């Protein structure tokens, strides 16, 4: 990958920053997701999306996760188009640079090997 592409991906990921994590969700949905993360039900994943660590029958929580992931999917696609790469690469870069550093102690995330790890 050329330096220019890496630069564009990095700039796009930085621009997404906080917005990428909160796209397409209401304040109530964000609060619900934050609570689910604290309880270990939901966690960030190495692909840049939220995932369920344990099953949840709460339709509101599922809708909140779906809304967030839908917003992230669109943001990653835009970033990838600008950088000439794939949305998968953009999502993984977002996880590495923005999402992983924000995971709080005690919360869970799914690493690139597919294993849930507690920080």
C-alpha atoms as a PDB file:
ATOM      1  CA  UNK A   1       0.000   0.000   0.000  1.00  0.00           C
ATOM      2  CA  UNK A   2       1.348   3.399  -0.924  1.00  0.00           C
ATOM      3  CA  UNK A   3       2.101   6.136   1.562  1.00  0.00           C
ATOM      4  CA  UNK A   4      -0.692   8.252   0.052  1.00  0.00           C
ATOM      5  CA  UNK A   5      -3.272   5.507   0.610  1.00  0.00           C
ATOM      6  CA  UNK A   6      -2.102   4.986   4.175  1.00  0.00           C
ATOM      7  CA  UNK A   7      -2.283   8.726   4.776  1.00  0.00           C
ATOM      8  CA  UNK A   8      -5.800   8.975   3.350  1.00  0.00           C
ATOM      9  CA  UNK A   9      -6.980   5.980   5.388  1.00  0.00           C
ATOM     10  CA  UNK A  10      -5.445   7.453   8.528  1.00  0.00           C
ATOM     11  CA  UNK A  11      -7.022  10.842   7.888  1.00  0.00           C
ATOM     12  CA  UNK A  12     -10.403   9.297   7.177  1.00  0.00           C
ATOM     13  CA  UNK A  13     -10.263   7.178  10.307  1.00  0.00           C
ATOM     14  CA  UNK A  14      -9.274  10.209  12.374  1.00  0.00           C
ATOM     15  CA  UNK A  15     -12.100  12.209  10.829  1.00  0.00           C
ATOM     16  CA  UNK A  16     -14.558   9.478  11.740  1.00  0.00           C
ATOM     17  CA  UNK A  17     -13.234   9.499  15.292  1.00  0.00           C
ATOM     18  CA  UNK A  18     -16.037   9.894  17.757  1.00  0.00           C
ATOM     19  CA  UNK A  19     -18.602  10.383  14.999  1.00  0.00           C
ATOM     20  CA  UNK A  20     -17.954   6.909  13.619  1.00  0.00           C
ATOM     21  CA  UNK A  21     -18.711   5.338  16.964  1.00  0.00           C
ATOM     22  CA  UNK A  22     -21.945   7.258  17.429  1.00  0.00           C
ATOM     23  CA  UNK A  23     -23.318   7.430  13.905  1.00  0.00           C
ATOM     24  CA  UNK A  24     -26.998   6.589  13.485  1.00  0.00           C
ATOM     25  CA  UNK A  25     -27.881   6.238  17.135  1.00  0.00           C
ATOM     26  CA  UNK A  26     -29.880   8.284  19.589  1.00  0.00           C
ATOM     27  CA  UNK A  27     -28.651   9.334  23.012  1.00  0.00           C
ATOM     28  CA  UNK A  28     -30.870   6.638  24.539  1.00  0.00           C
ATOM     29  CA  UNK A  29     -29.369   3.996  22.248  1.00  0.00           C
ATOM     30  CA  UNK A  30     -25.838   5.117  23.105  1.00  0.00           C
ATOM     31  CA  UNK A  31     -26.646   4.935  26.804  1.00  0.00           C
ATOM     32  CA  UNK A  32     -28.123   1.458  26.358  1.00  0.00           C
ATOM     33  CA  UNK A  33     -25.008   0.288  24.480  1.00  0.00           C
ATOM     34  CA  UNK A  34     -22.696   1.816  27.096  1.00  0.00           C
ATOM     35  CA  UNK A  35     -24.587  -0.031  29.836  1.00  0.00           C
ATOM     36  CA  UNK A  36     -24.455  -3.298  27.864  1.00  0.00           C
ATOM     37  CA  UNK A  37     -20.696  -2.841  27.391  1.00  0.00           C
ATOM     38  CA  UNK A  38     -20.264  -2.317  31.148  1.00  0.00           C
ATOM     39  CA  UNK A  39     -22.253  -5.513  31.788  1.00  0.00           C
ATOM     40  CA  UNK A  40     -20.202  -7.485  29.264  1.00  0.00           C
ATOM     41  CA  UNK A  41     -23.134  -8.184  26.944  1.00  0.00           C
ATOM     42  CA  UNK A  42     -21.848  -6.048  24.048  1.00  0.00           C
ATOM     43  CA  UNK A  43     -18.297  -5.329  22.961  1.00  0.00           C
ATOM     44  CA  UNK A  44     -16.257  -3.807  20.182  1.00  0.00           C
ATOM     45  CA  UNK A  45     -14.882  -6.131  17.531  1.00  0.00           C
ATOM     46  CA  UNK A  46     -11.659  -6.044  15.507  1.00  0.00           C
ATOM     47  CA  UNK A  47     -13.713  -5.496  12.347  1.00  0.00           C
ATOM     48  CA  UNK A  48     -14.904  -2.125  13.680  1.00  0.00           C
ATOM     49  CA  UNK A  49     -18.435  -3.184  14.568  1.00  0.00           C
ATOM     50  CA  UNK A  50     -20.251  -3.918  17.817  1.00  0.00           C
ATOM     51  CA  UNK A  51     -20.972  -7.535  18.656  1.00  0.00           C
ATOM     52  CA  UNK A  52     -22.882  -9.492  21.259  1.00  0.00           C
ATOM     53  CA  UNK A  53     -20.618 -11.316  23.670  1.00  0.00           C
ATOM     54  CA  UNK A  54     -23.589 -13.002  25.267  1.00  0.00           C
ATOM     55  CA  UNK A  55     -27.094 -13.396  23.950  1.00  0.00           C
ATOM     56  CA  UNK A  56     -29.636 -10.703  24.577  1.00  0.00           C
ATOM     57  CA  UNK A  57     -33.369 -10.943  24.105  1.00  0.00           C
ATOM     58  CA  UNK A  58     -33.781  -7.175  24.478  1.00  0.00           C
ATOM     59  CA  UNK A  59     -35.115  -5.933  21.124  1.00  0.00           C
ATOM     60  CA  UNK A  60     -34.252  -2.318  21.979  1.00  0.00           C
ATOM     61  CA  UNK A  61     -30.608  -3.238  22.580  1.00  0.00           C
ATOM     62  CA  UNK A  62     -30.486  -5.227  19.339  1.00  0.00           C
ATOM     63  CA  UNK A  63     -31.962  -2.236  17.493  1.00  0.00           C
ATOM     64  CA  UNK A  64     -29.381   0.085  19.083  1.00  0.00           C
ATOM     65  CA  UNK A  65     -26.495  -2.178  18.054  1.00  0.00           C
ATOM     66  CA  UNK A  66     -27.952  -2.542  14.553  1.00  0.00           C
ATOM     67  CA  UNK A  67     -28.325   1.244  14.210  1.00  0.00           C
ATOM     68  CA  UNK A  68     -24.746   1.839  15.319  1.00  0.00           C
ATOM     69  CA  UNK A  69     -23.365  -0.857  13.051  1.00  0.00           C
ATOM     70  CA  UNK A  70     -25.387   0.456  10.118  1.00  0.00           C
ATOM     71  CA  UNK A  71     -23.953   3.925  10.625  1.00  0.00           C
ATOM     72  CA  UNK A  72     -20.452   2.546  10.943  1.00  0.00           C
ATOM     73  CA  UNK A  73     -20.903   0.447   7.790  1.00  0.00           C
ATOM     74  CA  UNK A  74     -21.815   3.565   5.802  1.00  0.00           C
ATOM     75  CA  UNK A  75     -18.937   5.576   7.293  1.00  0.00           C
ATOM     76  CA  UNK A  76     -16.426   2.807   6.554  1.00  0.00           C
ATOM     77  CA  UNK A  77     -17.687   2.543   2.974  1.00  0.00           C
ATOM     78  CA  UNK A  78     -17.236   6.300   2.447  1.00  0.00           C
ATOM     79  CA  UNK A  79     -13.778   6.223   4.007  1.00  0.00           C
ATOM     80  CA  UNK A  80     -12.771   3.228   1.913  1.00  0.00           C
ATOM     81  CA  UNK A  81     -13.988   4.851  -1.302  1.00  0.00           C
ATOM     82  CA  UNK A  82     -11.944   7.961  -0.550  1.00  0.00           C
ATOM     83  CA  UNK A  83      -8.853   5.881   0.221  1.00  0.00           C
ATOM     84  CA  UNK A  84      -9.232   3.398  -2.611  1.00  0.00           C
ATOM     85  CA  UNK A  85      -9.432   0.419  -0.261  1.00  0.00           C
ATOM     86  CA  UNK A  86     -12.145  -1.817   1.178  1.00  0.00           C
ATOM     87  CA  UNK A  87     -14.665  -1.106   3.909  1.00  0.00           C
ATOM     88  CA  UNK A  88     -13.204  -4.081   5.801  1.00  0.00           C
ATOM     89  CA  UNK A  89      -9.804  -2.384   5.906  1.00  0.00           C
ATOM     90  CA  UNK A  90     -11.364   0.919   6.988  1.00  0.00           C
ATOM     91  CA  UNK A  91     -13.298  -0.814   9.797  1.00  0.00           C
ATOM     92  CA  UNK A  92     -10.232  -2.649  11.042  1.00  0.00           C
ATOM     93  CA  UNK A  93      -8.187   0.559  11.003  1.00  0.00           C
ATOM     94  CA  UNK A  94     -10.922   2.350  12.966  1.00  0.00           C
ATOM     95  CA  UNK A  95     -10.859  -0.397  15.566  1.00  0.00           C
ATOM     96  CA  UNK A  96      -7.081  -0.261  15.911  1.00  0.00           C
ATOM     97  CA  UNK A  97      -6.730   3.504  16.003  1.00  0.00           C
ATOM     98  CA  UNK A  98      -9.920   4.781  17.644  1.00  0.00           C
ATOM     99  CA  UNK A  99     -12.075   2.089  19.209  1.00  0.00           C
ATOM    100  CA  UNK A 100      -9.555  -0.200  20.935  1.00  0.00           C
ATOM    101  CA  UNK A 101      -7.866   2.653  22.847  1.00  0.00           C
ATOM    102  CA  UNK A 102     -11.271   3.747  24.197  1.00  0.00           C
ATOM    103  CA  UNK A 103     -12.261   0.389  25.639  1.00  0.00           C
ATOM    104  CA  UNK A 104     -12.453   0.805  29.377  1.00  0.00           C
ATOM    105  CA  UNK A 105     -11.036  -1.522  31.979  1.00  0.00           C
ATOM    106  CA  UNK A 106     -13.418  -4.427  32.568  1.00  0.00           C
ATOM    107  CA  UNK A 107     -15.043  -4.181  29.139  1.00  0.00           C
ATOM    108  CA  UNK A 108     -14.786  -6.861  26.486  1.00  0.00           C
ATOM    109  CA  UNK A 109     -13.650  -6.798  22.871  1.00  0.00           C
ATOM    110  CA  UNK A 110     -13.277  -9.424  20.152  1.00  0.00           C
ATOM    111  CA  UNK A 111      -9.758  -9.564  18.762  1.00  0.00           C
ATOM    112  CA  UNK A 112      -8.777 -10.369  15.171  1.00  0.00           C
ATOM    113  CA  UNK A 113      -8.578 -14.080  16.067  1.00  0.00           C
ATOM    114  CA  UNK A 114     -12.248 -14.045  17.077  1.00  0.00           C
ATOM    115  CA  UNK A 115     -11.622 -14.405  20.815  1.00  0.00           C
ATOM    116  CA  UNK A 116     -13.393 -12.257  23.385  1.00  0.00           C
ATOM    117  CA  UNK A 117     -10.838 -10.554  25.628  1.00  0.00           C
ATOM    118  CA  UNK A 118     -11.490  -8.499  28.746  1.00  0.00           C
ATOM    119  CA  UNK A 119      -9.463  -5.353  29.166  1.00  0.00           C
END
